[in-house]
Amino acid sequence: MFAILMWEETMKFFAMTMAVLLLASAAMAQEQAMATKPADDNLVVFPGLPECFKGFPVQGDPFKGAATIYAKASAGCNIPTHWHTAAENLTWIAGLASLKMKGSADQAIGTGTFVHLPGRHEHALRCTTACTMYIVTSGAFDIHYVDAAGKEIPVEQALAAAKEPAAKKK
């Protein structure tokens, strides 16, 4: 009888150990260590952004959840005032830009600059030279453009207005 009880306890312990190992290996399989240098020929325009701003997800799926995006913008690229549901962190690799954030003075952004933007925080970005950056989002990517009064406006209206200053300079 004692041997049967010991056998049952041993099997329970073995089953629990295997279950824990399987769960741990499944969790580790979902996230892999990596090092990458994104290629510019993989860059695409994200929905809702101007043609001058292109990116490529290097980790995660930015339309489903948290992600890291490698992005480039041409000189003069203007992303009008907007906000995102998720927070985002920008790490500037190259180029110069002007960042407008609600409630603070305009910020000059350059190589090595780190920017944190909480979710729903209004901001606008204009690259004065060609810009390269990494964007880390805490959730799925979305973009909500707003007018000067903070009222949400359609993407087409925001992007059309963003092109006007460049057209007037010609």
C-alpha atoms as a PDB file:
ATOM      1  CA  MET A   1       0.000   0.000   0.000  1.00  0.00           C
ATOM      2  CA  PHE A   2       2.828   2.366   0.912  1.00  0.00           C
ATOM      3  CA  ALA A   3       4.481   1.734  -2.461  1.00  0.00           C
ATOM      4  CA  ILE A   4       1.266   2.659  -4.308  1.00  0.00           C
ATOM      5  CA  LEU A   5       0.951   5.926  -2.343  1.00  0.00           C
ATOM      6  CA  MET A   6       4.591   6.768  -3.065  1.00  0.00           C
ATOM      7  CA  TRP A   7       4.049   5.974  -6.754  1.00  0.00           C
ATOM      8  CA  GLU A   8       0.990   8.278  -6.885  1.00  0.00           C
ATOM      9  CA  GLU A   9       2.862  11.117  -5.142  1.00  0.00           C
ATOM     10  CA  THR A  10       5.843  10.695  -7.453  1.00  0.00           C
ATOM     11  CA  MET A  11       3.592  10.787 -10.533  1.00  0.00           C
ATOM     12  CA  LYS A  12       1.772  13.899  -9.247  1.00  0.00           C
ATOM     13  CA  PHE A  13       5.111  15.623  -8.657  1.00  0.00           C
ATOM     14  CA  PHE A  14       6.343  14.561 -12.109  1.00  0.00           C
ATOM     15  CA  ALA A  15       3.130  15.795 -13.790  1.00  0.00           C
ATOM     16  CA  MET A  16       3.301  19.157 -12.003  1.00  0.00           C
ATOM     17  CA  THR A  17       6.978  19.572 -12.880  1.00  0.00           C
ATOM     18  CA  MET A  18       6.294  18.808 -16.544  1.00  0.00           C
ATOM     19  CA  ALA A  19       3.372  21.242 -16.625  1.00  0.00           C
ATOM     20  CA  VAL A  20       5.528  24.027 -15.176  1.00  0.00           C
ATOM     21  CA  LEU A  21       8.335  23.284 -17.642  1.00  0.00           C
ATOM     22  CA  LEU A  22       5.945  23.239 -20.585  1.00  0.00           C
ATOM     23  CA  LEU A  23       4.394  26.560 -19.569  1.00  0.00           C
ATOM     24  CA  ALA A  24       7.828  28.121 -19.048  1.00  0.00           C
ATOM     25  CA  SER A  25       9.110  26.901 -22.413  1.00  0.00           C
ATOM     26  CA  ALA A  26       5.959  28.172 -24.159  1.00  0.00           C
ATOM     27  CA  ALA A  27       6.425  31.597 -22.574  1.00  0.00           C
ATOM     28  CA  MET A  28      10.086  31.712 -23.607  1.00  0.00           C
ATOM     29  CA  ALA A  29       9.255  30.587 -27.154  1.00  0.00           C
ATOM     30  CA  GLN A  30       6.968  33.586 -27.620  1.00  0.00           C
ATOM     31  CA  GLU A  31       9.769  36.092 -27.104  1.00  0.00           C
ATOM     32  CA  GLN A  32      13.152  35.555 -28.714  1.00  0.00           C
ATOM     33  CA  ALA A  33      16.341  37.526 -28.156  1.00  0.00           C
ATOM     34  CA  MET A  34      17.428  39.398 -31.279  1.00  0.00           C
ATOM     35  CA  ALA A  35      19.723  42.012 -32.750  1.00  0.00           C
ATOM     36  CA  THR A  36      18.813  43.617 -36.048  1.00  0.00           C
ATOM     37  CA  LYS A  37      19.642  46.512 -38.301  1.00  0.00           C
ATOM     38  CA  PRO A  38      16.506  47.345 -40.306  1.00  0.00           C
ATOM     39  CA  ALA A  39      16.851  47.817 -44.047  1.00  0.00           C
ATOM     40  CA  ASP A  40      15.424  51.016 -45.511  1.00  0.00           C
ATOM     41  CA  ASP A  41      13.873  49.072 -48.396  1.00  0.00           C
ATOM     42  CA  ASN A  42      11.442  47.465 -45.900  1.00  0.00           C
ATOM     43  CA  LEU A  43       9.963  50.801 -44.819  1.00  0.00           C
ATOM     44  CA  VAL A  44       6.255  51.434 -45.449  1.00  0.00           C
ATOM     45  CA  VAL A  45       3.835  54.279 -44.786  1.00  0.00           C
ATOM     46  CA  PHE A  46       1.684  53.506 -41.756  1.00  0.00           C
ATOM     47  CA  PRO A  47      -2.054  54.192 -42.084  1.00  0.00           C
ATOM     48  CA  GLY A  48      -2.897  57.743 -41.019  1.00  0.00           C
ATOM     49  CA  LEU A  49       0.628  59.120 -41.429  1.00  0.00           C
ATOM     50  CA  PRO A  50       1.954  61.344 -44.222  1.00  0.00           C
ATOM     51  CA  GLU A  51       3.824  59.789 -47.162  1.00  0.00           C
ATOM     52  CA  CYS A  52       7.054  61.411 -45.952  1.00  0.00           C
ATOM     53  CA  PHE A  53       7.086  59.260 -42.776  1.00  0.00           C
ATOM     54  CA  LYS A  54       7.827  55.545 -43.162  1.00  0.00           C
ATOM     55  CA  GLY A  55       8.512  52.757 -40.704  1.00  0.00           C
ATOM     56  CA  PHE A  56       9.000  49.068 -40.154  1.00  0.00           C
ATOM     57  CA  PRO A  57       8.167  47.041 -37.029  1.00  0.00           C
ATOM     58  CA  VAL A  58      11.330  45.389 -35.699  1.00  0.00           C
ATOM     59  CA  GLN A  59       9.552  43.780 -32.746  1.00  0.00           C
ATOM     60  CA  GLY A  60       5.876  43.042 -32.148  1.00  0.00           C
ATOM     61  CA  ASP A  61       2.877  43.943 -34.269  1.00  0.00           C
ATOM     62  CA  PRO A  62       2.102  47.664 -33.892  1.00  0.00           C
ATOM     63  CA  PHE A  63      -1.527  47.113 -34.951  1.00  0.00           C
ATOM     64  CA  LYS A  64      -2.173  44.481 -32.274  1.00  0.00           C
ATOM     65  CA  GLY A  65      -0.137  45.618 -29.271  1.00  0.00           C
ATOM     66  CA  ALA A  66       3.157  46.913 -27.965  1.00  0.00           C
ATOM     67  CA  ALA A  67       5.880  47.201 -30.606  1.00  0.00           C
ATOM     68  CA  THR A  68       9.194  48.737 -31.565  1.00  0.00           C
ATOM     69  CA  ILE A  69       9.221  50.580 -34.875  1.00  0.00           C
ATOM     70  CA  TYR A  70      12.211  51.760 -36.896  1.00  0.00           C
ATOM     71  CA  ALA A  71      11.133  54.961 -38.673  1.00  0.00           C
ATOM     72  CA  LYS A  72      12.483  57.534 -41.108  1.00  0.00           C
ATOM     73  CA  ALA A  73      11.098  60.863 -42.275  1.00  0.00           C
ATOM     74  CA  SER A  74      12.284  63.130 -45.048  1.00  0.00           C
ATOM     75  CA  ALA A  75      13.374  66.724 -44.458  1.00  0.00           C
ATOM     76  CA  GLY A  76      10.330  68.951 -44.052  1.00  0.00           C
ATOM     77  CA  CYS A  77       8.060  66.069 -43.075  1.00  0.00           C
ATOM     78  CA  ASN A  78       5.262  67.424 -40.906  1.00  0.00           C
ATOM     79  CA  ILE A  79       3.004  65.324 -38.694  1.00  0.00           C
ATOM     80  CA  PRO A  80       0.300  67.702 -37.451  1.00  0.00           C
ATOM     81  CA  THR A  81      -1.001  67.818 -33.881  1.00  0.00           C
ATOM     82  CA  HIS A  82      -2.263  64.424 -32.815  1.00  0.00           C
ATOM     83  CA  TRP A  83      -2.344  61.893 -29.997  1.00  0.00           C
ATOM     84  CA  HIS A  84      -2.160  58.121 -29.615  1.00  0.00           C
ATOM     85  CA  THR A  85      -4.095  55.919 -27.197  1.00  0.00           C
ATOM     86  CA  ALA A  86      -0.875  54.158 -26.136  1.00  0.00           C
ATOM     87  CA  ALA A  87       2.193  55.836 -24.700  1.00  0.00           C
ATOM     88  CA  GLU A  88       5.216  56.062 -26.956  1.00  0.00           C
ATOM     89  CA  ASN A  89       8.928  56.528 -26.437  1.00  0.00           C
ATOM     90  CA  LEU A  90      11.086  57.963 -29.220  1.00  0.00           C
ATOM     91  CA  THR A  91      14.841  57.481 -29.409  1.00  0.00           C
ATOM     92  CA  TRP A  92      16.432  59.741 -31.997  1.00  0.00           C
ATOM     93  CA  ILE A  93      19.136  58.119 -34.124  1.00  0.00           C
ATOM     94  CA  ALA A  94      19.832  60.905 -36.628  1.00  0.00           C
ATOM     95  CA  GLY A  95      18.490  64.189 -37.927  1.00  0.00           C
ATOM     96  CA  LEU A  96      16.892  67.282 -36.444  1.00  0.00           C
ATOM     97  CA  ALA A  97      13.261  67.976 -35.666  1.00  0.00           C
ATOM     98  CA  SER A  98      10.929  70.264 -33.790  1.00  0.00           C
ATOM     99  CA  LEU A  99       8.532  68.645 -31.338  1.00  0.00           C
ATOM    100  CA  LYS A 100       5.499  70.544 -30.096  1.00  0.00           C
ATOM    101  CA  MET A 101       3.896  69.122 -26.982  1.00  0.00           C
ATOM    102  CA  LYS A 102       0.748  70.358 -25.317  1.00  0.00           C
ATOM    103  CA  GLY A 103       1.598  72.288 -22.171  1.00  0.00           C
ATOM    104  CA  SER A 104       5.279  72.875 -22.899  1.00  0.00           C
ATOM    105  CA  ALA A 105       7.574  74.902 -25.126  1.00  0.00           C
ATOM    106  CA  ASP A 106       8.687  73.515 -28.493  1.00  0.00           C
ATOM    107  CA  GLN A 107      11.581  71.088 -28.153  1.00  0.00           C
ATOM    108  CA  ALA A 108      14.543  70.768 -30.528  1.00  0.00           C
ATOM    109  CA  ILE A 109      15.162  67.066 -31.126  1.00  0.00           C
ATOM    110  CA  GLY A 110      18.462  65.677 -32.343  1.00  0.00           C
ATOM    111  CA  THR A 111      20.705  62.623 -32.320  1.00  0.00           C
ATOM    112  CA  GLY A 112      20.603  60.799 -28.992  1.00  0.00           C
ATOM    113  CA  THR A 113      17.441  62.522 -27.717  1.00  0.00           C
ATOM    114  CA  PHE A 114      14.875  60.454 -25.822  1.00  0.00           C
ATOM    115  CA  VAL A 115      11.226  61.547 -25.772  1.00  0.00           C
ATOM    116  CA  HIS A 116       8.400  60.087 -23.669  1.00  0.00           C
ATOM    117  CA  LEU A 117       4.819  60.845 -24.697  1.00  0.00           C
ATOM    118  CA  PRO A 118       2.055  59.545 -22.419  1.00  0.00           C
ATOM    119  CA  GLY A 119      -1.049  58.120 -24.057  1.00  0.00           C
ATOM    120  CA  ARG A 120      -3.522  60.781 -25.261  1.00  0.00           C
ATOM    121  CA  HIS A 121      -0.886  63.534 -24.999  1.00  0.00           C
ATOM    122  CA  GLU A 122      -1.197  65.976 -27.920  1.00  0.00           C
ATOM    123  CA  HIS A 123       1.972  66.562 -29.910  1.00  0.00           C
ATOM    124  CA  ALA A 124       3.205  67.468 -33.400  1.00  0.00           C
ATOM    125  CA  LEU A 125       6.490  66.696 -35.129  1.00  0.00           C
ATOM    126  CA  ARG A 126       8.326  68.392 -37.990  1.00  0.00           C
ATOM    127  CA  CYS A 127      11.650  67.071 -39.270  1.00  0.00           C
ATOM    128  CA  THR A 128      13.904  69.962 -40.284  1.00  0.00           C
ATOM    129  CA  THR A 129      16.397  67.494 -41.779  1.00  0.00           C
ATOM    130  CA  ALA A 130      15.959  63.833 -42.679  1.00  0.00           C
ATOM    131  CA  CYS A 131      15.167  62.002 -39.420  1.00  0.00           C
ATOM    132  CA  THR A 132      15.715  58.449 -38.203  1.00  0.00           C
ATOM    133  CA  MET A 133      14.315  57.122 -34.924  1.00  0.00           C
ATOM    134  CA  TYR A 134      13.022  54.156 -32.971  1.00  0.00           C
ATOM    135  CA  ILE A 135       9.475  54.364 -31.612  1.00  0.00           C
ATOM    136  CA  VAL A 136       8.461  52.048 -28.779  1.00  0.00           C
ATOM    137  CA  THR A 137       4.720  51.858 -28.192  1.00  0.00           C
ATOM    138  CA  SER A 138       2.999  50.493 -25.091  1.00  0.00           C
ATOM    139  CA  GLY A 139       0.002  49.304 -27.114  1.00  0.00           C
ATOM    140  CA  ALA A 140      -1.524  49.126 -30.581  1.00  0.00           C
ATOM    141  CA  PHE A 141      -0.768  52.020 -32.928  1.00  0.00           C
ATOM    142  CA  ASP A 142      -3.501  54.521 -33.657  1.00  0.00           C
ATOM    143  CA  ILE A 143      -3.454  58.224 -34.476  1.00  0.00           C
ATOM    144  CA  HIS A 144      -6.035  60.902 -33.694  1.00  0.00           C
ATOM    145  CA  TYR A 145      -5.458  64.312 -35.298  1.00  0.00           C
ATOM    146  CA  VAL A 146      -6.831  67.405 -33.583  1.00  0.00           C
ATOM    147  CA  ASP A 147      -7.352  71.029 -34.588  1.00  0.00           C
ATOM    148  CA  ALA A 148      -6.084  74.075 -32.644  1.00  0.00           C
ATOM    149  CA  ALA A 149      -9.048  73.788 -30.255  1.00  0.00           C
ATOM    150  CA  GLY A 150      -8.228  70.137 -29.500  1.00  0.00           C
ATOM    151  CA  LYS A 151     -11.223  68.792 -31.458  1.00  0.00           C
ATOM    152  CA  GLU A 152     -10.601  65.573 -33.350  1.00  0.00           C
ATOM    153  CA  ILE A 153     -10.472  65.998 -37.147  1.00  0.00           C
ATOM    154  CA  PRO A 154     -10.343  63.489 -40.036  1.00  0.00           C
ATOM    155  CA  VAL A 155      -6.941  62.217 -41.200  1.00  0.00           C
ATOM    156  CA  GLU A 156      -7.446  63.679 -44.690  1.00  0.00           C
ATOM    157  CA  GLN A 157      -8.139  67.149 -43.292  1.00  0.00           C
ATOM    158  CA  ALA A 158      -5.094  67.052 -41.002  1.00  0.00           C
ATOM    159  CA  LEU A 159      -2.706  65.811 -43.691  1.00  0.00           C
ATOM    160  CA  ALA A 160      -4.009  68.284 -46.294  1.00  0.00           C
ATOM    161  CA  ALA A 161      -3.419  71.150 -43.862  1.00  0.00           C
ATOM    162  CA  ALA A 162       0.087  69.825 -43.126  1.00  0.00           C
ATOM    163  CA  LYS A 163       1.014  70.123 -46.827  1.00  0.00           C
ATOM    164  CA  GLU A 164      -0.201  73.739 -47.174  1.00  0.00           C
ATOM    165  CA  PRO A 165       2.825  75.512 -45.604  1.00  0.00           C
ATOM    166  CA  ALA A 166       5.233  73.645 -47.887  1.00  0.00           C
ATOM    167  CA  ALA A 167       3.116  74.482 -50.945  1.00  0.00           C
ATOM    168  CA  LYS A 168       2.990  78.199 -50.024  1.00  0.00           C
ATOM    169  CA  LYS A 169       6.812  78.374 -49.831  1.00  0.00           C
ATOM    170  CA  LYS A 170       7.234  77.350 -53.495  1.00  0.00           C
END
